[in-house]
Structures are given as structure tokens and as C-alpha cells.
Amino acid sequence: MDTLLIAMFEILSFGAIVVLVVLGLGIIASMMGIFNFAQGEFVLLGAYVTYLVHSVGLPVPLGMLAAPVAVGALGFVLEKLVVRRFYLAPIVAMLGTYALGLIIREAVRGLTGGLYVSVPEPISGSITIGSLHFATWRGVIVIITLLVIAASHALLAYTSFGLRVRASLENPQLARASGISTGMIYSLTFAFGAALAGLAGALIVPVFSLFADLGIRFLIQGFVAVMVGGVGSFAGPVAGASVIGTFSAWLPWLMSPVIADVLVFVLAIIFIKFRPQGLVSGRGVNR
């Protein structure tokens, strides 16, 4: 029974990590119609900013606050200079963002010397319930993930900014005729998705350490999660990430981790084959 409870906590915490990573990717894919293949490297940058702040002697929580701001600002600039040129060619957009991700990854590899670098947990220790011990920081990640999901949905579904975002992405011509700066909305939406990835990287770096390929695994899982959940709604990527994160954490308890990873992707492909619209289909962020 103790082992089962620990396994359930591990599944929940890893699922929360995947949801947090996928959330930004899902917002960009659902709202803007492109897959940002640099999203994994935005996660990596969030982790690196946290490490950089810690390495100069400042508190780790300060680095975690700085990470989404810095990565979001970079995302804003990249959208203005590069990404917006590819909106009419989604395949080219994937190749372009993949190239950007490759540049970021190799830059971080050079800066870290290709080494694994550890960052301490801001809240260390464990929560003891009877004979069970649960990592405190993983519990904090679960709570922050829930808060970020709620805040993101509220921002996009119940604010004037969210209304302008939906208007710009569903009918750009009418939005421009109404006086909305669609170009700025695109930039802010992309920056918001990048900032969420930066926050994810900041939160997970104490768990996984910092290394140049940190974002690759989560990019692949994120891409599959968005496809399983469905593009075109806020709930779709969250649902897909929950499913993929649960299976990715649960199956290694039953079989070899390598076989488990392969099985997750095979099951996802089969699901997409029979339900290509995903778990939740829609358009935009619906109230």
C-alpha cells in the first residue's frame, strides 16, 4: 500500500511537470496555428537563467521569478524578428523554430561545458505522513501548476486581453478593422507561451539538474500531448499532457523505462489514428 501511494504521488508530480511544460506549447499551437519546436529550448533557457542567478550568489527563488520574464522577453523579440514571417507556412515555421532551438541548445551547451549542473531546491526536505515520505518541492510544483493553469485560463477566457487575443487569431481582418493591433497580439501571445516554458524550466531544474538536452524529452512529450489533447482549445493540451504525463510516469513502474517510453508513443499514435481531432476539439479559448 505504501508503494502504491508513493507511486501515485510520483505519477501526479511528473504529470504536473509535463502539463506545465506543455501549457505554453499548447497555447501557441492552439491560438496561433503553429508548432513552436523551440519550446523545449525555452524550457532549457528558463532552467539556465535560474542557474545563472543562483551562480552569482542570489537566491534560487529570485532566479525562478526572473526566468519567465527573461524567456518571455526573448520570445517577444524572436516573434517580431523571425517567427511572424512563417505564419502562412506552418511547415517552414516548424523548421525555423527547430533551427532557433538548435542554436539555443548548443549555446547553452557551450556555456555549461556540456556538463550536468545542479541547482538546489528552494524548499528542500520531505513531507512525512505516517511511514511515507513525499518530496516537498514536487508537491510545490503540483500546486504551482494548478495555479498557473487557472490563471492562464482566466487571462485568456475572462479578460479584455483574452478577448482581443481570440478576436485577432480567429478573424484577423475584422480585428484590425475594429482597431486591434493584431501584430502586437501575436507577439504577446508567443511571448506568453515562451514565458510559461521558462517558468517550467525554472521549476524543474532542481529536480532534473541543468544540461543542454534538458528540453528535448519534454518537447517530444509536449508535441505528442498537444496532438492527443487536440489543437484549438485551452483544455485540449492540458488534457493531453495529463494523459501522456500519467502514462509516462506509471508505465516505468511496470516495465523497462525504454520500453515504457516507446509504448507511450505507440499508444498515442494509435489514439490519434482513430481520433485525429484529439480528446478536446475546438477553436480558440472558449468560455
Protein backbone atom coordinates (compact mmCIF):
# COMPACT_ATOMS: atom_id res chain seq x y z
CA MET A 1 0.00 0.00 0.00
CA ASP A 2 2.84 2.39 0.84
CA THR A 3 4.48 1.70 -2.50
CA LEU A 4 1.19 2.37 -4.30
CA LEU A 5 0.75 5.75 -2.60
CA ILE A 6 4.33 6.77 -3.38
CA ALA A 7 3.84 5.69 -7.00
CA MET A 8 0.64 7.74 -7.24
CA PHE A 9 2.44 10.82 -5.89
CA GLU A 10 5.28 10.34 -8.38
CA ILE A 11 2.77 9.98 -11.22
CA LEU A 12 0.93 13.12 -10.09
CA SER A 13 4.08 15.19 -9.74
CA PHE A 14 5.53 14.09 -13.09
CA GLY A 15 2.16 14.67 -14.74
CA ALA A 16 2.17 18.20 -13.33
CA ILE A 17 5.64 18.80 -14.78
CA VAL A 18 4.51 17.65 -18.25
CA VAL A 19 1.38 19.82 -18.02
CA LEU A 20 3.47 22.84 -17.10
CA VAL A 21 5.86 22.25 -20.00
CA VAL A 22 3.05 21.61 -22.49
CA LEU A 23 0.88 24.56 -21.45
CA GLY A 24 2.96 27.16 -23.28
CA LEU A 25 3.36 24.94 -26.35
CA GLY A 26 -0.37 24.27 -26.36
CA ILE A 27 -1.29 27.96 -26.16
CA ILE A 28 0.97 28.80 -29.12
CA ALA A 29 -0.26 25.83 -31.18
CA SER A 30 -3.95 26.32 -30.36
CA MET A 31 -4.05 30.10 -30.58
CA MET A 32 -1.57 30.73 -33.39
CA GLY A 33 -1.77 27.58 -35.51
CA ILE A 34 1.96 26.76 -35.46
CA PHE A 35 4.08 24.29 -33.50
CA ASN A 36 6.99 26.00 -31.80
CA PHE A 37 9.81 23.47 -31.98
CA ALA A 38 11.99 25.79 -29.90
CA GLN A 39 9.67 25.35 -26.90
CA GLY A 40 11.92 22.71 -25.36
CA GLU A 41 14.83 25.12 -25.55
CA PHE A 42 12.72 27.83 -23.90
CA VAL A 43 12.36 25.35 -21.03
CA LEU A 44 16.14 24.95 -21.10
CA LEU A 45 16.63 28.73 -21.03
CA GLY A 46 14.35 29.04 -18.01
CA ALA A 47 16.50 26.47 -16.24
CA TYR A 48 19.69 28.25 -17.30
CA VAL A 49 18.50 31.67 -16.12
CA THR A 50 17.68 30.15 -12.73
CA TYR A 51 21.16 28.59 -12.54
CA LEU A 52 22.79 31.85 -13.65
CA VAL A 53 21.07 33.86 -10.93
CA HIS A 54 21.99 31.23 -8.33
CA SER A 55 25.62 31.10 -9.53
CA VAL A 56 26.16 34.79 -8.74
CA GLY A 57 25.03 34.25 -5.17
CA LEU A 58 21.40 35.34 -5.40
CA PRO A 59 18.53 33.24 -4.03
CA VAL A 60 17.14 30.48 -6.26
CA PRO A 61 13.54 31.80 -5.97
CA LEU A 62 14.73 35.10 -7.47
CA GLY A 63 16.08 33.18 -10.44
CA MET A 64 12.76 31.36 -10.79
CA LEU A 65 10.98 34.72 -10.93
CA ALA A 66 13.47 36.11 -13.44
CA ALA A 67 13.28 33.06 -15.76
CA PRO A 68 9.78 33.57 -17.23
CA VAL A 69 10.42 37.32 -17.62
CA ALA A 70 13.70 36.79 -19.48
CA VAL A 71 12.42 33.94 -21.66
CA GLY A 72 9.17 35.77 -22.39
CA ALA A 73 11.13 38.85 -23.48
CA LEU A 74 13.28 36.70 -25.78
CA GLY A 75 10.16 35.07 -27.20
CA PHE A 76 8.69 38.52 -27.91
CA VAL A 77 11.81 39.55 -29.83
CA LEU A 78 12.03 36.27 -31.75
CA GLU A 79 8.39 36.52 -32.79
CA LYS A 80 8.96 40.04 -34.08
CA LEU A 81 12.16 39.20 -35.96
CA VAL A 82 11.69 35.61 -37.13
CA VAL A 83 8.52 33.68 -36.32
CA ARG A 84 5.95 36.07 -37.78
CA ARG A 85 7.43 35.53 -41.23
CA PHE A 86 6.27 31.90 -41.15
CA TYR A 87 2.58 32.12 -40.16
CA LEU A 88 1.39 31.31 -43.67
CA ALA A 89 3.74 28.30 -43.93
CA PRO A 90 3.36 26.07 -40.83
CA ILE A 91 5.92 23.52 -42.06
CA VAL A 92 8.51 26.24 -42.57
CA ALA A 93 7.61 27.58 -39.12
CA MET A 94 8.42 24.20 -37.56
CA LEU A 95 11.77 24.09 -39.36
CA GLY A 96 12.54 27.69 -38.45
CA THR A 97 11.72 27.28 -34.77
CA TYR A 98 13.66 23.99 -34.70
CA ALA A 99 16.70 25.87 -36.03
CA LEU A 100 16.27 28.52 -33.34
CA GLY A 101 16.05 25.79 -30.72
CA LEU A 102 19.21 24.16 -32.00
CA ILE A 103 21.10 27.46 -31.73
CA ILE A 104 19.87 27.99 -28.16
CA ARG A 105 20.69 24.41 -27.13
CA GLU A 106 24.23 24.49 -28.47
CA ALA A 107 24.83 27.93 -26.95
CA VAL A 108 23.82 26.61 -23.52
CA ARG A 109 25.96 23.51 -24.09
CA GLY A 110 28.94 25.77 -24.73
CA LEU A 111 28.22 27.94 -21.70
CA THR A 112 27.91 24.94 -19.36
CA GLY A 113 30.79 22.99 -20.92
CA GLY A 114 28.44 20.11 -21.70
CA LEU A 115 28.22 19.25 -18.01
CA TYR A 116 25.32 18.49 -15.68
CA VAL A 117 24.90 21.37 -13.24
CA SER A 118 22.79 21.08 -10.10
CA VAL A 119 20.54 23.77 -8.66
CA PRO A 120 19.27 23.38 -5.08
CA GLU A 121 15.58 23.12 -4.29
CA PRO A 122 14.21 26.37 -2.80
CA ILE A 123 12.15 24.26 -0.40
CA SER A 124 14.03 21.11 0.48
CA GLY A 125 13.12 18.14 2.59
CA SER A 126 10.07 15.92 2.56
CA ILE A 127 6.58 15.75 3.95
CA THR A 128 6.11 12.79 6.27
CA ILE A 129 2.73 11.14 6.57
CA GLY A 130 2.97 8.08 8.76
CA SER A 131 5.75 5.97 7.29
CA LEU A 132 5.60 7.73 3.92
CA HIS A 133 7.91 10.50 2.74
CA PHE A 134 6.95 12.82 -0.13
CA ALA A 135 9.37 15.31 -1.68
CA THR A 136 8.23 18.79 -0.69
CA TRP A 137 9.41 20.51 -3.88
CA ARG A 138 7.50 18.10 -6.12
CA GLY A 139 4.38 18.91 -4.13
CA VAL A 140 5.07 22.62 -4.64
CA ILE A 141 5.34 22.03 -8.40
CA VAL A 142 1.89 20.38 -8.40
CA ILE A 143 0.36 23.36 -6.56
CA ILE A 144 2.08 25.95 -8.80
CA THR A 145 0.95 24.04 -11.90
CA LEU A 146 -2.68 24.15 -10.79
CA LEU A 147 -2.41 27.87 -10.06
CA VAL A 148 -0.76 28.59 -13.42
CA ILE A 149 -3.45 26.62 -15.31
CA ALA A 150 -6.23 28.51 -13.52
CA ALA A 151 -4.56 31.91 -14.01
CA SER A 152 -3.79 31.24 -17.70
CA HIS A 153 -7.34 30.16 -18.45
CA ALA A 154 -8.75 33.17 -16.60
CA LEU A 155 -6.45 35.52 -18.53
CA LEU A 156 -7.36 34.11 -21.93
CA ALA A 157 -11.05 33.48 -21.32
CA TYR A 158 -12.28 36.23 -18.99
CA THR A 159 -10.23 39.38 -19.62
CA SER A 160 -10.28 42.06 -22.30
CA PHE A 161 -6.78 40.95 -23.34
CA GLY A 162 -8.03 37.40 -23.85
CA LEU A 163 -10.95 38.72 -25.89
CA ARG A 164 -8.55 40.65 -28.14
CA VAL A 165 -6.38 37.55 -28.48
CA ARG A 166 -9.31 35.39 -29.57
CA ALA A 167 -10.57 38.05 -31.96
CA SER A 168 -7.13 38.53 -33.54
CA LEU A 169 -6.50 34.84 -34.04
CA GLU A 170 -9.98 33.83 -35.22
CA ASN A 171 -10.64 36.75 -37.60
CA PRO A 172 -7.57 38.98 -38.03
CA GLN A 173 -9.15 41.18 -40.71
CA LEU A 174 -12.20 42.02 -38.61
CA ALA A 175 -9.99 42.54 -35.54
CA ARG A 176 -7.81 45.03 -37.42
CA ALA A 177 -10.92 46.82 -38.69
CA SER A 178 -12.01 47.11 -35.05
CA GLY A 179 -8.77 48.85 -34.12
CA ILE A 180 -6.96 45.89 -32.55
CA SER A 181 -3.21 45.68 -33.22
CA THR A 182 -3.07 42.05 -34.32
CA GLY A 183 0.70 42.13 -34.76
CA MET A 184 1.17 43.07 -31.11
CA ILE A 185 -1.34 40.42 -30.03
CA TYR A 186 0.62 37.74 -31.90
CA SER A 187 3.85 38.88 -30.26
CA LEU A 188 2.36 38.94 -26.77
CA THR A 189 0.73 35.52 -27.21
CA PHE A 190 4.02 33.98 -28.36
CA ALA A 191 5.86 35.71 -25.51
CA PHE A 192 3.29 34.39 -23.02
CA GLY A 193 3.79 30.82 -24.27
CA ALA A 194 7.56 31.25 -24.06
CA ALA A 195 7.31 32.67 -20.53
CA LEU A 196 5.32 29.62 -19.41
CA ALA A 197 8.08 27.39 -20.80
CA GLY A 198 10.67 29.47 -18.95
CA LEU A 199 8.72 29.06 -15.71
CA ALA A 200 8.54 25.31 -16.30
CA GLY A 201 12.30 25.13 -16.77
CA ALA A 202 12.91 27.15 -13.62
CA LEU A 203 10.70 24.87 -11.53
CA ILE A 204 12.05 21.55 -12.84
CA VAL A 205 15.78 22.32 -12.86
CA PRO A 206 16.20 21.38 -9.16
CA VAL A 207 14.61 18.01 -9.99
CA PHE A 208 16.43 17.15 -13.23
CA SER A 209 19.57 19.36 -13.00
CA LEU A 210 20.72 21.62 -15.84
CA PHE A 211 22.11 20.04 -19.02
CA ALA A 212 21.93 21.05 -22.66
CA ASP A 213 19.45 18.37 -23.71
CA LEU A 214 17.01 19.04 -20.88
CA GLY A 215 14.27 20.34 -23.16
CA ILE A 216 14.38 17.63 -25.83
CA ARG A 217 12.43 14.98 -23.95
CA PHE A 218 9.78 17.44 -22.88
CA LEU A 219 9.48 18.83 -26.42
CA ILE A 220 8.70 15.38 -27.79
CA GLN A 221 6.26 14.62 -24.98
CA GLY A 222 4.72 18.05 -25.40
CA PHE A 223 4.20 17.61 -29.12
CA VAL A 224 2.51 14.24 -28.57
CA ALA A 225 0.43 15.64 -25.70
CA VAL A 226 -0.88 18.51 -27.83
CA MET A 227 -1.84 16.09 -30.62
CA VAL A 228 -3.57 13.72 -28.18
CA GLY A 229 -5.38 16.55 -26.40
CA GLY A 230 -6.40 18.41 -29.53
CA VAL A 231 -5.42 21.73 -31.07
CA GLY A 232 -7.86 24.61 -30.95
CA SER A 233 -8.84 24.84 -27.29
CA PHE A 234 -7.20 25.61 -23.96
CA ALA A 235 -8.40 22.38 -22.34
CA GLY A 236 -7.08 20.10 -25.09
CA PRO A 237 -3.31 20.40 -24.46
CA VAL A 238 -3.89 20.27 -20.69
CA ALA A 239 -5.91 17.06 -21.04
CA GLY A 240 -3.34 15.57 -23.42
CA ALA A 241 -0.47 16.47 -21.11
CA SER A 242 -2.27 14.88 -18.17
CA VAL A 243 -2.74 11.63 -20.10
CA ILE A 244 0.81 11.49 -21.51
CA GLY A 245 2.36 12.54 -18.19
CA THR A 246 0.39 9.89 -16.30
CA PHE A 247 1.35 7.08 -18.67
CA SER A 248 4.98 8.25 -18.85
CA ALA A 249 5.26 8.11 -15.06
CA TRP A 250 3.12 4.99 -14.48
CA LEU A 251 4.45 2.54 -17.09
CA PRO A 252 8.11 2.61 -15.88
CA TRP A 253 6.82 1.12 -12.59
CA LEU A 254 5.64 -1.91 -14.61
CA MET A 255 8.36 -2.35 -17.24
CA SER A 256 11.68 -1.09 -18.53
CA PRO A 257 11.70 2.74 -18.88
CA VAL A 258 12.87 2.45 -22.50
CA ILE A 259 10.02 0.09 -23.39
CA ALA A 260 7.61 2.32 -21.46
CA ASP A 261 8.60 5.40 -23.50
CA VAL A 262 8.12 3.51 -26.76
CA LEU A 263 4.77 2.15 -25.62
CA VAL A 264 3.52 5.63 -24.70
CA PHE A 265 4.24 6.90 -28.21
CA VAL A 266 2.74 3.82 -29.85
CA LEU A 267 -0.47 4.20 -27.83
CA ALA A 268 -0.58 7.90 -28.69
CA ILE A 269 -0.18 7.19 -32.41
CA ILE A 270 -2.97 4.61 -32.30
CA PHE A 271 -5.24 7.06 -30.48
CA ILE A 272 -4.52 9.86 -32.96
CA LYS A 273 -5.19 7.46 -35.85
CA PHE A 274 -8.73 6.78 -34.64
CA ARG A 275 -9.45 10.23 -33.16
CA PRO A 276 -7.37 12.79 -35.08
CA GLN A 277 -9.24 15.74 -33.52
CA GLY A 278 -7.89 14.75 -30.09
CA LEU A 279 -9.59 14.48 -26.72
CA VAL A 280 -10.95 18.02 -26.87
CA SER A 281 -11.63 19.70 -30.18
CA GLY A 282 -12.46 23.36 -30.63
CA ARG A 283 -11.17 26.68 -31.72
CA GLY A 284 -9.62 29.36 -29.56
CA VAL A 285 -10.12 29.66 -25.84
CA ASN A 286 -13.78 29.08 -25.15
CA ARG A 287 -15.59 30.46 -22.15
